[in-house]
Amino acid sequence: MTSRLAVTRLRLTNFRSYAVGGLAVSGAPVVLAGPNGAGKTNVLDAISLLSPGRGLRGSRLAEHTRKGPSLIEGDETYWAVAATVARGETEYEIGTGMVGGSASRQVRLNGAPAQSSADLGDIVQLIWLTPAMDRLFIESAGGRRRFLDRLVLGFDAGHARAATRYETAMRERARLLKYGPRDPAWLEGLENEMADAGIVIAQARAATVENLSRALAERGEAGAFPAASLALTDELHLSTADQLRGMFAASRIRDAEAGRTLVGPHVTDLQVRHTGKRAEARDCSTGEQKALLISIILADARELARAREGLAPILLLDEIAAHLDVMRRTALFEEVHALAAQAWMTGTDLSLFDGARAEIFEVRDGIFARQSEMVN
């Protein structure tokens, strides 16, 4: 089989609907089919935690814990996800979860503790689409920033570390502005940290947007999915750290009065246009918006594969086929196959995955039943 980035073994403990659960696959695309509530999305959520961040649901850590007693007496594991990840010819053992006495997420790589979940970004690149993202273009900018940062993370594993540095310093600065003491030296130190990390964030986002916009333009209207153009709503990436530092210093009074930081990369927004229709994505139909999202993630996967020795990111596509017509479903499956990407796809109707060339599992009550034949 073509060398690829793939999860080949997954084990869940006290995770969401699973007291225990396990799945072993070859590394090819995977289809999980079954009724609503069967636990399909929970599998994708678990896989998403093998990379930096809070996963595809964006949930607090404790929310992953299964509602029910542990099957192992005395076990202090709130929840755990363990996986074997193949990256080309190399395998990694990744474990993450919460255990008793710790309020933070624990991460282990090949049996040894990792410093943070950010370390996973060097190994696993993921991108996902969920039904909740169908309103991405018409709701708040926060969702679009998270979507963009997930794209950035595939190209720049240090992006998660820069974001953590920035957010930590920004929270502490906001606390000082609200409660005091407003010591200029303390504020200056925090603003230095914010400026240094903020410029790194802004430049990484701009590079990713430029890269993907170029790839989308080159592809044009070829294929079943529409061309899109991407842009940022500010030009912070053209600033220097000193200039951003000056913006923070000048905004102290306004930030104190507002109770939040009013300038910086945390307020950047992503703009998306449907190139063919010359329309903003927010003004397109729901079906067109879905097709634009798929077009962007496929471009991202192609560019990542080009940059990383042919290794496309793992795609987590929740209920992806339900609202696509036959032509676009077939085109999506062909794109995944051509990329040699491992896509984990869920759906309630197995017939929607005809032509997917994937390993097929029926999921019922947390049990994975491998089907006798693969869809091909």
Protein backbone atom coordinates (compact mmCIF):
# COMPACT_ATOMS: atom_id res chain seq x y z
CA MET A 1 0.00 0.00 0.00
CA THR A 2 1.12 3.58 -0.69
CA SER A 3 3.08 5.09 2.18
CA ARG A 4 0.90 7.56 4.05
CA LEU A 5 0.15 9.30 7.32
CA ALA A 6 -2.45 7.16 9.05
CA VAL A 7 -3.90 5.94 12.32
CA THR A 8 -3.60 2.17 12.23
CA ARG A 9 -4.71 1.33 15.77
CA LEU A 10 -7.02 3.19 18.13
CA ARG A 11 -8.04 2.37 21.68
CA LEU A 12 -10.49 4.38 23.81
CA THR A 13 -10.95 4.20 27.57
CA ASN A 14 -13.76 6.01 29.41
CA PHE A 15 -14.07 8.25 26.35
CA ARG A 16 -17.47 9.74 25.54
CA SER A 17 -19.80 6.79 24.83
CA TYR A 18 -17.01 4.18 25.10
CA ALA A 19 -16.14 2.41 28.33
CA VAL A 20 -13.53 0.62 26.24
CA GLY A 21 -13.28 0.45 22.49
CA GLY A 22 -10.72 -0.50 19.93
CA LEU A 23 -10.19 -0.53 16.21
CA ALA A 24 -7.34 -1.74 13.99
CA VAL A 25 -7.15 -0.70 10.33
CA SER A 26 -4.70 -0.89 7.45
CA GLY A 27 -4.17 2.83 6.91
CA ALA A 28 -6.57 3.09 3.97
CA PRO A 29 -9.64 5.37 4.17
CA VAL A 30 -12.22 4.26 6.74
CA VAL A 31 -16.01 4.49 6.69
CA LEU A 32 -17.96 4.29 9.94
CA ALA A 33 -21.64 3.76 9.21
CA GLY A 34 -24.47 3.45 11.69
CA PRO A 35 -27.45 5.15 13.28
CA ASN A 36 -27.29 8.48 15.07
CA GLY A 37 -25.90 8.05 18.58
CA ALA A 38 -23.87 4.96 17.69
CA GLY A 39 -20.56 6.63 18.59
CA LYS A 40 -19.21 7.42 15.10
CA THR A 41 -18.38 11.07 15.74
CA ASN A 42 -16.81 10.16 19.08
CA VAL A 43 -14.20 8.14 17.18
CA LEU A 44 -13.35 11.15 15.02
CA ASP A 45 -13.22 13.32 18.14
CA ALA A 46 -10.74 10.90 19.72
CA ILE A 47 -8.51 10.94 16.63
CA SER A 48 -8.60 14.74 16.56
CA LEU A 49 -7.00 14.75 20.03
CA LEU A 50 -3.90 13.11 18.57
CA SER A 51 -2.91 16.59 17.38
CA PRO A 52 -2.48 19.90 19.23
CA GLY A 53 -5.55 21.75 20.43
CA ARG A 54 -8.93 20.87 21.86
CA GLY A 55 -10.14 18.60 19.11
CA LEU A 56 -12.90 18.88 16.58
CA ARG A 57 -15.57 19.65 19.16
CA GLY A 58 -13.45 22.23 20.99
CA SER A 59 -14.65 20.71 24.26
CA ARG A 60 -13.24 21.21 27.72
CA LEU A 61 -11.10 18.27 28.78
CA ALA A 62 -13.51 16.94 31.39
CA GLU A 63 -16.33 16.78 28.82
CA HIS A 64 -14.66 13.84 27.10
CA THR A 65 -15.14 11.65 30.19
CA ARG A 66 -17.71 8.91 29.80
CA LYS A 67 -20.84 9.27 31.89
CA GLY A 68 -20.68 6.07 33.88
CA PRO A 69 -18.45 4.06 36.20
CA SER A 70 -15.05 2.81 35.09
CA LEU A 71 -14.93 -0.89 34.25
CA ILE A 72 -11.63 -1.19 36.11
CA GLU A 73 -11.92 -0.91 39.88
CA GLY A 74 -9.64 1.79 41.30
CA ASP A 75 -8.82 3.17 37.84
CA GLU A 76 -8.16 6.92 38.05
CA THR A 77 -8.29 7.49 34.30
CA TYR A 78 -10.93 10.09 33.48
CA TRP A 79 -10.45 9.33 29.78
CA ALA A 80 -7.68 8.11 27.52
CA VAL A 81 -6.98 7.79 23.81
CA ALA A 82 -4.12 5.58 22.62
CA ALA A 83 -3.09 5.15 19.00
CA THR A 84 -0.47 3.82 16.67
CA VAL A 85 0.26 6.38 13.97
CA ALA A 86 2.19 5.45 10.85
CA ARG A 87 4.08 8.30 9.24
CA GLY A 88 5.58 6.85 6.12
CA GLU A 89 7.78 3.97 7.24
CA THR A 90 7.91 5.12 10.90
CA GLU A 91 5.40 4.24 13.61
CA TYR A 92 4.62 6.35 16.68
CA GLU A 93 2.76 5.33 19.80
CA ILE A 94 0.69 8.26 21.05
CA GLY A 95 -1.32 8.40 24.24
CA THR A 96 -3.31 11.30 25.63
CA GLY A 97 -5.91 11.78 28.32
CA MET A 98 -6.72 12.90 31.86
CA VAL A 99 -5.87 10.97 34.98
CA GLY A 100 -6.82 11.48 38.61
CA GLY A 101 -5.07 14.31 40.42
CA SER A 102 -4.36 16.27 37.25
CA ALA A 103 -6.54 18.97 35.70
CA SER A 104 -4.45 19.10 32.55
CA ARG A 105 -4.15 16.88 29.52
CA GLN A 106 -1.34 14.34 29.63
CA VAL A 107 0.52 13.35 26.45
CA ARG A 108 2.95 10.47 25.89
CA LEU A 109 5.04 9.77 22.80
CA ASN A 110 6.53 6.30 22.41
CA GLY A 111 6.08 5.68 26.13
CA ALA A 112 7.73 8.90 27.35
CA PRO A 113 5.97 12.05 28.61
CA ALA A 114 5.75 14.90 26.10
CA GLN A 115 6.07 18.49 27.25
CA SER A 116 2.68 19.43 25.80
CA SER A 117 0.15 18.52 23.13
CA ALA A 118 1.95 20.99 20.84
CA ASP A 119 4.65 18.33 20.39
CA LEU A 120 2.11 16.24 18.46
CA GLY A 121 2.09 18.78 15.64
CA ASP A 122 5.42 17.47 14.36
CA ILE A 123 3.92 14.01 13.86
CA VAL A 124 0.21 14.27 13.08
CA GLN A 125 -1.41 16.72 10.68
CA LEU A 126 -5.20 16.67 10.71
CA ILE A 127 -8.01 18.63 9.18
CA TRP A 128 -11.69 18.05 9.70
CA LEU A 129 -15.14 18.99 8.53
CA THR A 130 -18.18 18.53 10.75
CA PRO A 131 -21.86 19.44 10.33
CA ALA A 132 -21.33 22.24 12.88
CA MET A 133 -18.98 23.89 10.37
CA ASP A 134 -21.71 24.24 7.75
CA ARG A 135 -22.40 27.72 9.20
CA LEU A 136 -18.72 28.68 9.33
CA PHE A 137 -19.07 31.57 6.88
CA ILE A 138 -22.11 33.18 8.49
CA GLU A 139 -21.32 32.93 12.19
CA SER A 140 -18.63 34.52 14.37
CA ALA A 141 -15.04 35.13 13.30
CA GLY A 142 -13.78 32.82 16.06
CA GLY A 143 -14.79 29.69 14.16
CA ARG A 144 -13.07 30.89 11.01
CA ARG A 145 -9.89 31.67 12.95
CA ARG A 146 -9.88 28.17 14.43
CA PHE A 147 -10.41 26.71 10.96
CA LEU A 148 -7.55 28.81 9.59
CA ASP A 149 -5.24 27.92 12.47
CA ARG A 150 -5.87 24.23 11.87
CA LEU A 151 -4.78 24.76 8.26
CA VAL A 152 -1.70 26.70 9.41
CA LEU A 153 -0.75 23.99 11.88
CA GLY A 154 -0.28 21.49 9.08
CA PHE A 155 2.45 23.63 7.54
CA ASP A 156 3.95 25.01 10.76
CA ALA A 157 4.01 22.75 13.81
CA GLY A 158 5.26 25.67 15.93
CA HIS A 159 2.04 27.57 15.35
CA ALA A 160 0.35 25.94 18.35
CA ARG A 161 3.23 26.94 20.63
CA ALA A 162 3.11 30.54 19.41
CA ALA A 163 -0.66 30.64 19.95
CA THR A 164 -0.29 29.32 23.50
CA ARG A 165 2.39 31.91 24.29
CA TYR A 166 0.23 34.70 22.93
CA GLU A 167 -2.99 33.65 24.66
CA THR A 168 -1.30 33.09 28.02
CA ALA A 169 0.33 36.53 27.98
CA MET A 170 -2.89 38.17 26.75
CA ARG A 171 -4.94 36.66 29.60
CA GLU A 172 -2.41 37.82 32.21
CA ARG A 173 -2.30 41.33 30.72
CA ALA A 174 -6.10 41.52 30.77
CA ARG A 175 -6.09 40.45 34.43
CA LEU A 176 -3.59 43.17 35.35
CA LEU A 177 -5.56 45.81 33.46
CA LYS A 178 -8.76 44.80 35.22
CA TYR A 179 -7.58 44.12 38.76
CA GLY A 180 -4.14 45.74 38.91
CA PRO A 181 -1.54 46.53 39.77
CA ARG A 182 -1.00 48.26 36.43
CA ASP A 183 2.74 48.14 36.79
CA PRO A 184 4.26 49.48 33.53
CA ALA A 185 7.18 47.05 33.73
CA TRP A 186 4.88 44.03 34.11
CA LEU A 187 2.61 45.20 31.31
CA GLU A 188 5.57 45.90 29.05
CA GLY A 189 6.96 42.41 29.63
CA LEU A 190 3.62 40.80 28.76
CA GLU A 191 3.20 43.01 25.71
CA ASN A 192 6.69 42.03 24.54
CA GLU A 193 5.65 38.37 24.74
CA MET A 194 2.38 39.06 22.94
CA ALA A 195 4.13 41.05 20.20
CA ASP A 196 6.83 38.46 19.57
CA ALA A 197 4.35 35.57 19.42
CA GLY A 198 1.70 37.64 17.64
CA ILE A 199 3.91 38.46 14.67
CA VAL A 200 4.83 34.80 14.29
CA ILE A 201 1.13 33.90 14.28
CA ALA A 202 0.21 36.61 11.78
CA GLN A 203 3.03 35.72 9.39
CA ALA A 204 2.23 31.99 9.51
CA ARG A 205 -1.43 32.68 8.75
CA ALA A 206 -0.57 34.99 5.86
CA ALA A 207 1.83 32.45 4.36
CA THR A 208 -0.81 29.71 4.54
CA VAL A 209 -3.52 31.91 3.01
CA GLU A 210 -1.18 32.92 0.18
CA ASN A 211 -0.16 29.31 -0.44
CA LEU A 212 -3.72 27.99 -0.52
CA SER A 213 -5.03 30.89 -2.60
CA ARG A 214 -2.35 30.18 -5.18
CA ALA A 215 -3.19 26.47 -5.21
CA LEU A 216 -6.91 27.18 -5.57
CA ALA A 217 -6.28 29.67 -8.37
CA GLU A 218 -4.09 27.19 -10.25
CA ARG A 219 -6.78 24.53 -10.02
CA GLY A 220 -9.49 26.99 -11.05
CA GLU A 221 -12.84 25.45 -11.92
CA ALA A 222 -11.40 22.00 -12.64
CA GLY A 223 -13.17 19.19 -10.85
CA ALA A 224 -16.50 19.13 -9.05
CA PHE A 225 -15.75 21.67 -6.35
CA PRO A 226 -15.72 25.46 -6.85
CA ALA A 227 -12.63 27.63 -6.78
CA ALA A 228 -12.23 29.86 -3.74
CA SER A 229 -10.06 32.84 -2.94
CA LEU A 230 -8.84 33.50 0.61
CA ALA A 231 -7.77 36.72 2.32
CA LEU A 232 -7.18 38.09 5.82
CA THR A 233 -9.04 41.11 7.18
CA ASP A 234 -5.89 42.83 8.41
CA GLU A 235 -2.23 43.26 7.46
CA LEU A 236 -0.63 42.51 10.80
CA HIS A 237 1.80 40.20 9.02
CA LEU A 238 3.34 43.28 7.40
CA SER A 239 4.01 44.87 10.80
CA THR A 240 7.07 44.38 12.99
CA ALA A 241 7.07 43.14 16.56
CA ASP A 242 7.95 46.67 17.68
CA GLN A 243 4.93 48.09 15.86
CA LEU A 244 2.59 45.50 17.37
CA ARG A 245 4.12 46.17 20.79
CA GLY A 246 3.32 49.87 20.30
CA MET A 247 -0.30 49.03 19.42
CA PHE A 248 -0.71 47.11 22.68
CA ALA A 249 0.84 49.89 24.75
CA ALA A 250 -1.34 52.53 23.11
CA SER A 251 -4.47 50.46 23.69
CA ARG A 252 -4.10 49.85 27.44
CA ILE A 253 -6.80 52.30 28.54
CA ARG A 254 -9.24 51.22 25.84
CA ASP A 255 -8.60 47.56 26.61
CA ALA A 256 -9.14 48.15 30.34
CA GLU A 257 -12.45 49.88 29.66
CA ALA A 258 -13.59 47.20 27.19
CA GLY A 259 -12.47 44.33 29.40
CA ARG A 260 -10.68 42.67 26.49
CA THR A 261 -7.76 43.21 24.13
CA LEU A 262 -9.02 45.10 21.09
CA VAL A 263 -6.05 44.69 18.72
CA GLY A 264 -3.92 41.73 17.73
CA PRO A 265 -4.06 38.48 15.76
CA HIS A 266 -6.84 37.16 17.99
CA VAL A 267 -9.31 39.45 16.14
CA THR A 268 -8.13 38.59 12.61
CA ASP A 269 -10.83 37.14 10.37
CA LEU A 270 -10.64 34.92 7.28
CA GLN A 271 -12.50 36.06 4.17
CA VAL A 272 -13.54 33.50 1.55
CA ARG A 273 -14.98 34.26 -1.88
CA HIS A 274 -16.57 31.97 -4.43
CA THR A 275 -14.35 32.84 -7.39
CA GLY A 276 -16.69 31.69 -10.14
CA LYS A 277 -19.71 33.54 -8.77
CA ARG A 278 -17.67 36.53 -7.58
CA ALA A 279 -19.56 36.35 -4.30
CA GLU A 280 -18.61 36.28 -0.65
CA ALA A 281 -18.98 32.80 0.82
CA ARG A 282 -21.42 34.13 3.40
CA ASP A 283 -23.79 35.10 0.56
CA CYS A 284 -23.69 31.68 -1.13
CA SER A 285 -26.19 28.88 -0.62
CA THR A 286 -25.64 26.26 2.07
CA GLY A 287 -24.67 23.69 -0.57
CA GLU A 288 -22.20 26.08 -2.17
CA GLN A 289 -20.66 26.89 1.21
CA LYS A 290 -20.18 23.17 1.89
CA ALA A 291 -18.56 22.72 -1.53
CA LEU A 292 -16.24 25.69 -0.88
CA LEU A 293 -15.13 24.17 2.42
CA ILE A 294 -14.38 20.85 0.74
CA SER A 295 -12.49 22.67 -2.02
CA ILE A 296 -10.31 24.40 0.60
CA ILE A 297 -9.48 21.28 2.58
CA LEU A 298 -8.64 19.34 -0.58
CA ALA A 299 -6.30 22.14 -1.66
CA ASP A 300 -4.77 22.09 1.81
CA ALA A 301 -4.27 18.33 1.64
CA ARG A 302 -2.64 18.58 -1.79
CA GLU A 303 -0.26 21.34 -0.66
CA LEU A 304 0.66 19.50 2.53
CA ALA A 305 1.35 16.33 0.57
CA ARG A 306 3.56 18.33 -1.78
CA ALA A 307 5.47 19.88 1.13
CA ARG A 308 5.82 16.69 3.20
CA GLU A 309 7.20 14.00 0.93
CA GLY A 310 3.78 12.99 -0.34
CA LEU A 311 2.17 12.56 3.09
CA ALA A 312 -1.28 14.10 2.98
CA PRO A 313 -2.94 15.00 6.29
CA ILE A 314 -5.49 12.71 7.90
CA LEU A 315 -8.99 13.89 6.99
CA LEU A 316 -11.85 13.59 9.50
CA LEU A 317 -15.09 14.02 7.54
CA ASP A 318 -18.17 13.75 9.73
CA GLU A 319 -21.44 13.11 7.87
CA ILE A 320 -19.63 14.29 4.75
CA ALA A 321 -21.73 12.53 2.11
CA ALA A 322 -25.23 13.31 3.35
CA HIS A 323 -25.65 16.62 1.50
CA LEU A 324 -23.52 15.98 -1.58
CA ASP A 325 -24.96 14.87 -4.89
CA VAL A 326 -23.66 11.73 -6.59
CA MET A 327 -21.20 13.65 -8.78
CA ARG A 328 -19.59 15.45 -5.85
CA ARG A 329 -19.52 12.35 -3.63
CA THR A 330 -17.71 10.45 -6.38
CA ALA A 331 -15.33 13.37 -6.94
CA LEU A 332 -14.52 13.55 -3.23
CA PHE A 333 -13.73 9.83 -3.03
CA GLU A 334 -11.53 10.08 -6.13
CA GLU A 335 -9.63 13.05 -4.67
CA VAL A 336 -9.00 11.16 -1.42
CA HIS A 337 -7.78 8.15 -3.37
CA ALA A 338 -5.50 10.26 -5.58
CA LEU A 339 -3.99 11.93 -2.51
CA ALA A 340 -3.34 8.58 -0.81
CA ALA A 341 -4.88 10.25 2.25
CA GLN A 342 -6.45 8.39 5.13
CA ALA A 343 -9.94 9.84 5.46
CA TRP A 344 -12.21 8.81 8.32
CA MET A 345 -15.76 9.29 7.05
CA THR A 346 -19.02 8.81 8.92
CA GLY A 347 -22.61 8.48 7.80
CA THR A 348 -25.91 6.84 8.63
CA ASP A 349 -26.44 5.37 5.15
CA LEU A 350 -23.80 2.98 3.87
CA SER A 351 -25.04 3.33 0.29
CA LEU A 352 -23.71 6.91 0.20
CA PHE A 353 -20.17 5.53 0.22
CA ASP A 354 -20.37 3.47 -2.97
CA GLY A 355 -17.03 3.97 -4.70
CA ALA A 356 -15.20 5.15 -1.58
CA ARG A 357 -12.51 2.41 -1.74
CA ALA A 358 -12.40 2.26 2.05
CA GLU A 359 -12.46 -0.15 4.96
CA ILE A 360 -16.09 -0.33 6.06
CA PHE A 361 -17.30 -0.72 9.63
CA GLU A 362 -20.84 -0.76 10.91
CA VAL A 363 -21.04 0.90 14.34
CA ARG A 364 -23.78 -0.03 16.78
CA ASP A 365 -23.74 0.49 20.53
CA GLY A 366 -20.00 1.20 20.46
CA ILE A 367 -19.18 -2.05 18.64
CA PHE A 368 -17.29 -2.00 15.33
CA ALA A 369 -18.37 -4.71 12.90
CA ARG A 370 -16.11 -4.99 9.88
CA GLN A 371 -18.13 -5.58 6.74
CA SER A 372 -17.38 -8.67 4.70
CA GLU A 373 -16.60 -6.65 1.57
CA MET A 374 -14.99 -3.28 1.03
CA VAL A 375 -16.78 -0.62 -0.96
CA ASN A 376 -14.78 -0.27 -4.17
